[in-house]
């Protein structure tokens, strides 16, 4: 029985470490999803800005021809 106490402590320590690891993995996965969402939003905003620049350039060129 004297040996079972250290093993029990090790098992408990391992369980705590495993729980922390799983929590960190969940946090990392959530951060990855958020990053993907932000990248998508950024790409959309950049594309809209590019379209606005093209429209502004076309208007400027049209004004020069007048």
PDB file of N, CA and C in Angstrom:
ATOM      1  N   UNK A   1       0.810  -1.193   0.000  1.00  0.00           N
ATOM      2  CA  UNK A   1       0.000   0.000   0.000  1.00  0.00           C
ATOM      3  C   UNK A   1       0.859   1.264   0.000  1.00  0.00           C
ATOM      4  N   UNK A   2       2.053   1.188   0.497  1.00  0.00           N
ATOM      5  CA  UNK A   2       2.905   2.365   0.581  1.00  0.00           C
ATOM      6  C   UNK A   2       3.264   2.879  -0.803  1.00  0.00           C
ATOM      7  N   UNK A   3       3.342   1.975  -1.779  1.00  0.00           N
ATOM      8  CA  UNK A   3       3.677   2.395  -3.134  1.00  0.00           C
ATOM      9  C   UNK A   3       2.491   2.995  -3.878  1.00  0.00           C
ATOM     10  N   UNK A   4       1.284   2.674  -3.477  1.00  0.00           N
ATOM     11  CA  UNK A   4       0.121   3.165  -4.210  1.00  0.00           C
ATOM     12  C   UNK A   4      -0.093   4.662  -4.019  1.00  0.00           C
ATOM     13  N   UNK A   5       0.319   5.224  -2.889  1.00  0.00           N
ATOM     14  CA  UNK A   5       0.145   6.664  -2.657  1.00  0.00           C
ATOM     15  C   UNK A   5       0.940   7.498  -3.667  1.00  0.00           C
ATOM     16  N   UNK A   6       2.221   7.206  -3.901  1.00  0.00           N
ATOM     17  CA  UNK A   6       2.953   7.980  -4.915  1.00  0.00           C
ATOM     18  C   UNK A   6       2.357   7.811  -6.316  1.00  0.00           C
ATOM     19  N   UNK A   7       1.904   6.595  -6.624  1.00  0.00           N
ATOM     20  CA  UNK A   7       1.294   6.380  -7.937  1.00  0.00           C
ATOM     21  C   UNK A   7      -0.007   7.156  -8.066  1.00  0.00           C
ATOM     22  N   UNK A   8      -0.765   7.208  -6.991  1.00  0.00           N
ATOM     23  CA  UNK A   8      -2.015   7.971  -7.003  1.00  0.00           C
ATOM     24  C   UNK A   8      -1.724   9.450  -7.211  1.00  0.00           C
ATOM     25  N   UNK A   9      -0.688   9.936  -6.558  1.00  0.00           N
ATOM     26  CA  UNK A   9      -0.307  11.342  -6.725  1.00  0.00           C
ATOM     27  C   UNK A   9       0.136  11.609  -8.158  1.00  0.00           C
ATOM     28  N   UNK A  10       0.890  10.686  -8.731  1.00  0.00           N
ATOM     29  CA  UNK A  10       1.329  10.831 -10.118  1.00  0.00           C
ATOM     30  C   UNK A  10       0.144  10.810 -11.077  1.00  0.00           C
ATOM     31  N   UNK A  11      -0.798   9.907 -10.826  1.00  0.00           N
ATOM     32  CA  UNK A  11      -1.990   9.830 -11.680  1.00  0.00           C
ATOM     33  C   UNK A  11      -2.786  11.131 -11.605  1.00  0.00           C
ATOM     34  N   UNK A  12      -2.921  11.650 -10.394  1.00  0.00           N
ATOM     35  CA  UNK A  12      -3.662  12.897 -10.219  1.00  0.00           C
ATOM     36  C   UNK A  12      -2.936  14.047 -10.922  1.00  0.00           C
ATOM     37  N   UNK A  13      -1.628  14.094 -10.767  1.00  0.00           N
ATOM     38  CA  UNK A  13      -0.829  15.125 -11.427  1.00  0.00           C
ATOM     39  C   UNK A  13      -0.965  15.023 -12.940  1.00  0.00           C
ATOM     40  N   UNK A  14      -0.920  13.796 -13.436  1.00  0.00           N
ATOM     41  CA  UNK A  14      -1.072  13.577 -14.874  1.00  0.00           C
ATOM     42  C   UNK A  14      -2.455  14.023 -15.348  1.00  0.00           C
ATOM     43  N   UNK A  15      -3.474  13.709 -14.571  1.00  0.00           N
ATOM     44  CA  UNK A  15      -4.839  14.096 -14.935  1.00  0.00           C
ATOM     45  C   UNK A  15      -4.976  15.616 -14.991  1.00  0.00           C
ATOM     46  N   UNK A  16      -4.364  16.304 -14.042  1.00  0.00           N
ATOM     47  CA  UNK A  16      -4.407  17.770 -14.028  1.00  0.00           C
ATOM     48  C   UNK A  16      -3.681  18.327 -15.251  1.00  0.00           C
ATOM     49  N   UNK A  17      -2.518  17.773 -15.538  1.00  0.00           N
ATOM     50  CA  UNK A  17      -1.750  18.212 -16.708  1.00  0.00           C
ATOM     51  C   UNK A  17      -2.529  17.951 -17.992  1.00  0.00           C
ATOM     52  N   UNK A  18      -3.153  16.794 -18.078  1.00  0.00           N
ATOM     53  CA  UNK A  18      -3.945  16.447 -19.258  1.00  0.00           C
ATOM     54  C   UNK A  18      -5.116  17.413 -19.425  1.00  0.00           C
ATOM     55  N   UNK A  19      -5.770  17.758 -18.332  1.00  0.00           N
ATOM     56  CA  UNK A  19      -6.892  18.702 -18.390  1.00  0.00           C
ATOM     57  C   UNK A  19      -6.423  20.075 -18.859  1.00  0.00           C
ATOM     58  N   UNK A  20      -5.273  20.511 -18.366  1.00  0.00           N
ATOM     59  CA  UNK A  20      -4.718  21.799 -18.811  1.00  0.00           C
ATOM     60  C   UNK A  20      -4.386  21.755 -20.295  1.00  0.00           C
ATOM     61  N   UNK A  21      -3.799  20.663 -20.730  1.00  0.00           N
ATOM     62  CA  UNK A  21      -3.451  20.510 -22.137  1.00  0.00           C
ATOM     63  C   UNK A  21      -4.697  20.584 -23.014  1.00  0.00           C
ATOM     64  N   UNK A  22      -5.739  19.888 -22.618  1.00  0.00           N
ATOM     65  CA  UNK A  22      -6.980  19.906 -23.390  1.00  0.00           C
ATOM     66  C   UNK A  22      -7.593  21.303 -23.410  1.00  0.00           C
ATOM     67  N   UNK A  23      -7.512  22.018 -22.287  1.00  0.00           N
ATOM     68  CA  UNK A  23      -8.029  23.388 -22.235  1.00  0.00           C
ATOM     69  C   UNK A  23      -7.241  24.294 -23.171  1.00  0.00           C
ATOM     70  N   UNK A  24      -5.923  24.141 -23.184  1.00  0.00           N
ATOM     71  CA  UNK A  24      -5.083  24.963 -24.073  1.00  0.00           C
ATOM     72  C   UNK A  24      -5.353  24.633 -25.543  1.00  0.00           C
ATOM     73  N   UNK A  25      -5.567  23.358 -25.832  1.00  0.00           N
ATOM     74  CA  UNK A  25      -5.891  22.973 -27.210  1.00  0.00           C
ATOM     75  C   UNK A  25      -7.210  23.594 -27.643  1.00  0.00           C
ATOM     76  N   UNK A  26      -8.187  23.617 -26.748  1.00  0.00           N
ATOM     77  CA  UNK A  26      -9.476  24.234 -27.058  1.00  0.00           C
ATOM     78  C   UNK A  26      -9.304  25.735 -27.290  1.00  0.00           C
ATOM     79  N   UNK A  27      -8.490  26.380 -26.463  1.00  0.00           N
ATOM     80  CA  UNK A  27      -8.215  27.809 -26.645  1.00  0.00           C
ATOM     81  C   UNK A  27      -7.521  28.058 -27.977  1.00  0.00           C
ATOM     82  N   UNK A  28      -6.567  27.213 -28.310  1.00  0.00           N
ATOM     83  CA  UNK A  28      -5.845  27.351 -29.567  1.00  0.00           C
ATOM     84  C   UNK A  28      -6.778  27.166 -30.759  1.00  0.00           C
ATOM     85  N   UNK A  29      -7.663  26.199 -30.679  1.00  0.00           N
ATOM     86  CA  UNK A  29      -8.625  25.974 -31.755  1.00  0.00           C
ATOM     87  C   UNK A  29      -9.549  27.176 -31.905  1.00  0.00           C
ATOM     88  N   UNK A  30     -10.006  27.736 -30.796  1.00  0.00           N
ATOM     89  CA  UNK A  30     -10.873  28.917 -30.846  1.00  0.00           C
ATOM     90  C   UNK A  30     -10.127  30.106 -31.447  1.00  0.00           C
ATOM     91  N   UNK A  31      -8.874  30.278 -31.068  1.00  0.00           N
ATOM     92  CA  UNK A  31      -8.070  31.363 -31.626  1.00  0.00           C
ATOM     93  C   UNK A  31      -7.864  31.161 -33.124  1.00  0.00           C
ATOM     94  N   UNK A  32      -7.669  29.929 -33.546  1.00  0.00           N
ATOM     95  CA  UNK A  32      -7.520  29.630 -34.972  1.00  0.00           C
ATOM     96  C   UNK A  32      -8.780  29.971 -35.746  1.00  0.00           C
ATOM     97  N   UNK A  33      -9.937  29.634 -35.177  1.00  0.00           N
ATOM     98  CA  UNK A  33     -11.204  29.974 -35.837  1.00  0.00           C
ATOM     99  C   UNK A  33     -11.385  31.486 -35.922  1.00  0.00           C
ATOM    100  N   UNK A  34     -11.029  32.183 -34.852  1.00  0.00           N
ATOM    101  CA  UNK A  34     -11.147  33.637 -34.849  1.00  0.00           C
ATOM    102  C   UNK A  34     -10.198  34.249 -35.878  1.00  0.00           C
ATOM    103  N   UNK A  35      -8.991  33.739 -35.971  1.00  0.00           N
ATOM    104  CA  UNK A  35      -8.029  34.237 -36.951  1.00  0.00           C
ATOM    105  C   UNK A  35      -8.549  34.035 -38.367  1.00  0.00           C
ATOM    106  N   UNK A  36      -9.112  32.876 -38.636  1.00  0.00           N
ATOM    107  CA  UNK A  36      -9.673  32.604 -39.958  1.00  0.00           C
ATOM    108  C   UNK A  36     -10.788  33.590 -40.277  1.00  0.00           C
ATOM    109  N   UNK A  37     -11.644  33.839 -39.303  1.00  0.00           N
ATOM    110  CA  UNK A  37     -12.750  34.786 -39.497  1.00  0.00           C
ATOM    111  C   UNK A  37     -12.213  36.187 -39.781  1.00  0.00           C
ATOM    112  N   UNK A  38     -11.217  36.611 -39.011  1.00  0.00           N
ATOM    113  CA  UNK A  38     -10.641  37.939 -39.206  1.00  0.00           C
ATOM    114  C   UNK A  38      -9.935  38.056 -40.553  1.00  0.00           C
ATOM    115  N   UNK A  39      -9.254  37.002 -40.972  1.00  0.00           N
ATOM    116  CA  UNK A  39      -8.602  37.024 -42.288  1.00  0.00           C
ATOM    117  C   UNK A  39      -9.631  37.169 -43.397  1.00  0.00           C
ATOM    118  N   UNK A  40     -10.742  36.458 -43.259  1.00  0.00           N
ATOM    119  CA  UNK A  40     -11.806  36.544 -44.257  1.00  0.00           C
ATOM    120  C   UNK A  40     -12.374  37.959 -44.299  1.00  0.00           C
ATOM    121  N   UNK A  41     -12.643  38.528 -43.134  1.00  0.00           N
ATOM    122  CA  UNK A  41     -13.164  39.894 -43.076  1.00  0.00           C
ATOM    123  C   UNK A  41     -12.172  40.876 -43.688  1.00  0.00           C
ATOM    124  N   UNK A  42     -10.902  40.712 -43.363  1.00  0.00           N
ATOM    125  CA  UNK A  42      -9.875  41.605 -43.895  1.00  0.00           C
ATOM    126  C   UNK A  42      -9.806  41.500 -45.413  1.00  0.00           C
ATOM    127  N   UNK A  43      -9.833  40.282 -45.926  1.00  0.00           N
ATOM    128  CA  UNK A  43      -9.776  40.083 -47.375  1.00  0.00           C
ATOM    129  C   UNK A  43     -10.966  40.744 -48.058  1.00  0.00           C
ATOM    130  N   UNK A  44     -12.132  40.631 -47.451  1.00  0.00           N
ATOM    131  CA  UNK A  44     -13.329  41.254 -48.007  1.00  0.00           C
ATOM    132  C   UNK A  44     -13.177  42.770 -48.030  1.00  0.00           C
ATOM    133  N   UNK A  45     -12.693  43.331 -46.936  1.00  0.00           N
ATOM    134  CA  UNK A  45     -12.500  44.780 -46.871  1.00  0.00           C
ATOM    135  C   UNK A  45     -11.452  45.252 -47.874  1.00  0.00           C
ATOM    136  N   UNK A  46     -10.385  44.498 -48.031  1.00  0.00           N
ATOM    137  CA  UNK A  46      -9.347  44.865 -49.001  1.00  0.00           C
ATOM    138  C   UNK A  46      -9.920  44.835 -50.414  1.00  0.00           C
ATOM    139  N   UNK A  47     -10.706  43.822 -50.725  1.00  0.00           N
ATOM    140  CA  UNK A  47     -11.299  43.719 -52.056  1.00  0.00           C
ATOM    141  C   UNK A  47     -12.244  44.891 -52.314  1.00  0.00           C
ATOM    142  N   UNK A  48     -13.045  45.254 -51.333  1.00  0.00           N
ATOM    143  CA  UNK A  48     -13.941  46.406 -51.493  1.00  0.00           C
ATOM    144  C   UNK A  48     -13.140  47.690 -51.701  1.00  0.00           C
ATOM    145  N   UNK A  49     -12.053  47.846 -50.962  1.00  0.00           N
ATOM    146  CA  UNK A  49     -11.209  49.032 -51.118  1.00  0.00           C
ATOM    147  C   UNK A  49     -10.579  49.064 -52.508  1.00  0.00           C
ATOM    148  N   UNK A  50     -10.154  47.911 -53.007  1.00  0.00           N
ATOM    149  CA  UNK A  50      -9.582  47.854 -54.362  1.00  0.00           C
ATOM    150  C   UNK A  50     -10.613  48.279 -55.395  1.00  0.00           C
ATOM    151  N   UNK A  51     -11.829  47.787 -55.233  1.00  0.00           N
ATOM    152  CA  UNK A  51     -12.893  48.156 -56.164  1.00  0.00           C
ATOM    153  C   UNK A  51     -13.146  49.661 -56.128  1.00  0.00           C
ATOM    154  N   UNK A  52     -13.123  50.254 -54.944  1.00  0.00           N
ATOM    155  CA  UNK A  52     -13.325  51.696 -54.825  1.00  0.00           C
ATOM    156  C   UNK A  52     -12.193  52.464 -55.494  1.00  0.00           C
ATOM    157  N   UNK A  53     -10.981  51.977 -55.369  1.00  0.00           N
ATOM    158  CA  UNK A  53      -9.837  52.625 -56.020  1.00  0.00           C
ATOM    159  C   UNK A  53      -9.989  52.557 -57.536  1.00  0.00           C
ATOM    160  N   UNK A  54     -10.382  51.403 -58.047  1.00  0.00           N
ATOM    161  CA  UNK A  54     -10.572  51.256 -59.493  1.00  0.00           C
ATOM    162  C   UNK A  54     -11.645  52.220 -59.978  1.00  0.00           C
ATOM    163  N   UNK A  55     -12.742  52.309 -59.256  1.00  0.00           N
ATOM    164  CA  UNK A  55     -13.821  53.225 -59.646  1.00  0.00           C
ATOM    165  C   UNK A  55     -13.324  54.665 -59.623  1.00  0.00           C
ATOM    166  N   UNK A  56     -12.581  55.032 -58.582  1.00  0.00           N
ATOM    167  CA  UNK A  56     -12.046  56.389 -58.483  1.00  0.00           C
ATOM    168  C   UNK A  56     -11.073  56.673 -59.623  1.00  0.00           C
ATOM    169  N   UNK A  57     -10.243  55.698 -59.981  1.00  0.00           N
ATOM    170  CA  UNK A  57      -9.307  55.888 -61.090  1.00  0.00           C
ATOM    171  C   UNK A  57     -10.055  56.051 -62.405  1.00  0.00           C
ATOM    172  N   UNK A  58     -11.093  55.251 -62.600  1.00  0.00           N
ATOM    173  CA  UNK A  58     -11.877  55.358 -63.829  1.00  0.00           C
ATOM    174  C   UNK A  58     -12.552  56.717 -63.920  1.00  0.00           C
ATOM    175  N   UNK A  59     -13.068  57.208 -62.807  1.00  0.00           N
ATOM    176  CA  UNK A  59     -13.698  58.537 -62.799  1.00  0.00           C
ATOM    177  C   UNK A  59     -12.664  59.619 -63.093  1.00  0.00           C
ATOM    178  N   UNK A  60     -11.478  59.488 -62.508  1.00  0.00           N
ATOM    179  CA  UNK A  60     -10.425  60.476 -62.737  1.00  0.00           C
ATOM    180  C   UNK A  60     -10.007  60.478 -64.200  1.00  0.00           C
ATOM    181  N   UNK A  61      -9.878  59.304 -64.787  1.00  0.00           N
ATOM    182  CA  UNK A  61      -9.512  59.214 -66.199  1.00  0.00           C
ATOM    183  C   UNK A  61     -10.606  59.801 -67.081  1.00  0.00           C
ATOM    184  N   UNK A  62     -11.852  59.553 -66.731  1.00  0.00           N
ATOM    185  CA  UNK A  62     -12.966  60.098 -67.503  1.00  0.00           C
ATOM    186  C   UNK A  62     -12.982  61.617 -67.410  1.00  0.00           C
ATOM    187  N   UNK A  63     -12.634  62.156 -66.257  1.00  0.00           N
ATOM    188  CA  UNK A  63     -12.592  63.613 -66.088  1.00  0.00           C
ATOM    189  C   UNK A  63     -11.475  64.222 -66.925  1.00  0.00           C
ATOM    190  N   UNK A  64     -10.374  63.523 -67.054  1.00  0.00           N
ATOM    191  CA  UNK A  64      -9.244  64.030 -67.835  1.00  0.00           C
ATOM    192  C   UNK A  64      -9.586  64.105 -69.313  1.00  0.00           C
ATOM    193  N   UNK A  65     -10.450  63.236 -69.792  1.00  0.00           N
ATOM    194  CA  UNK A  65     -10.795  63.210 -71.206  1.00  0.00           C
ATOM    195  C   UNK A  65     -11.774  64.321 -71.573  1.00  0.00           C
ATOM    196  N   UNK A  66     -12.395  64.921 -70.595  1.00  0.00           N
ATOM    197  CA  UNK A  66     -13.383  65.972 -70.896  1.00  0.00           C
ATOM    198  C   UNK A  66     -12.746  67.263 -71.247  1.00  0.00           C
TER     199      UNK A  66
END
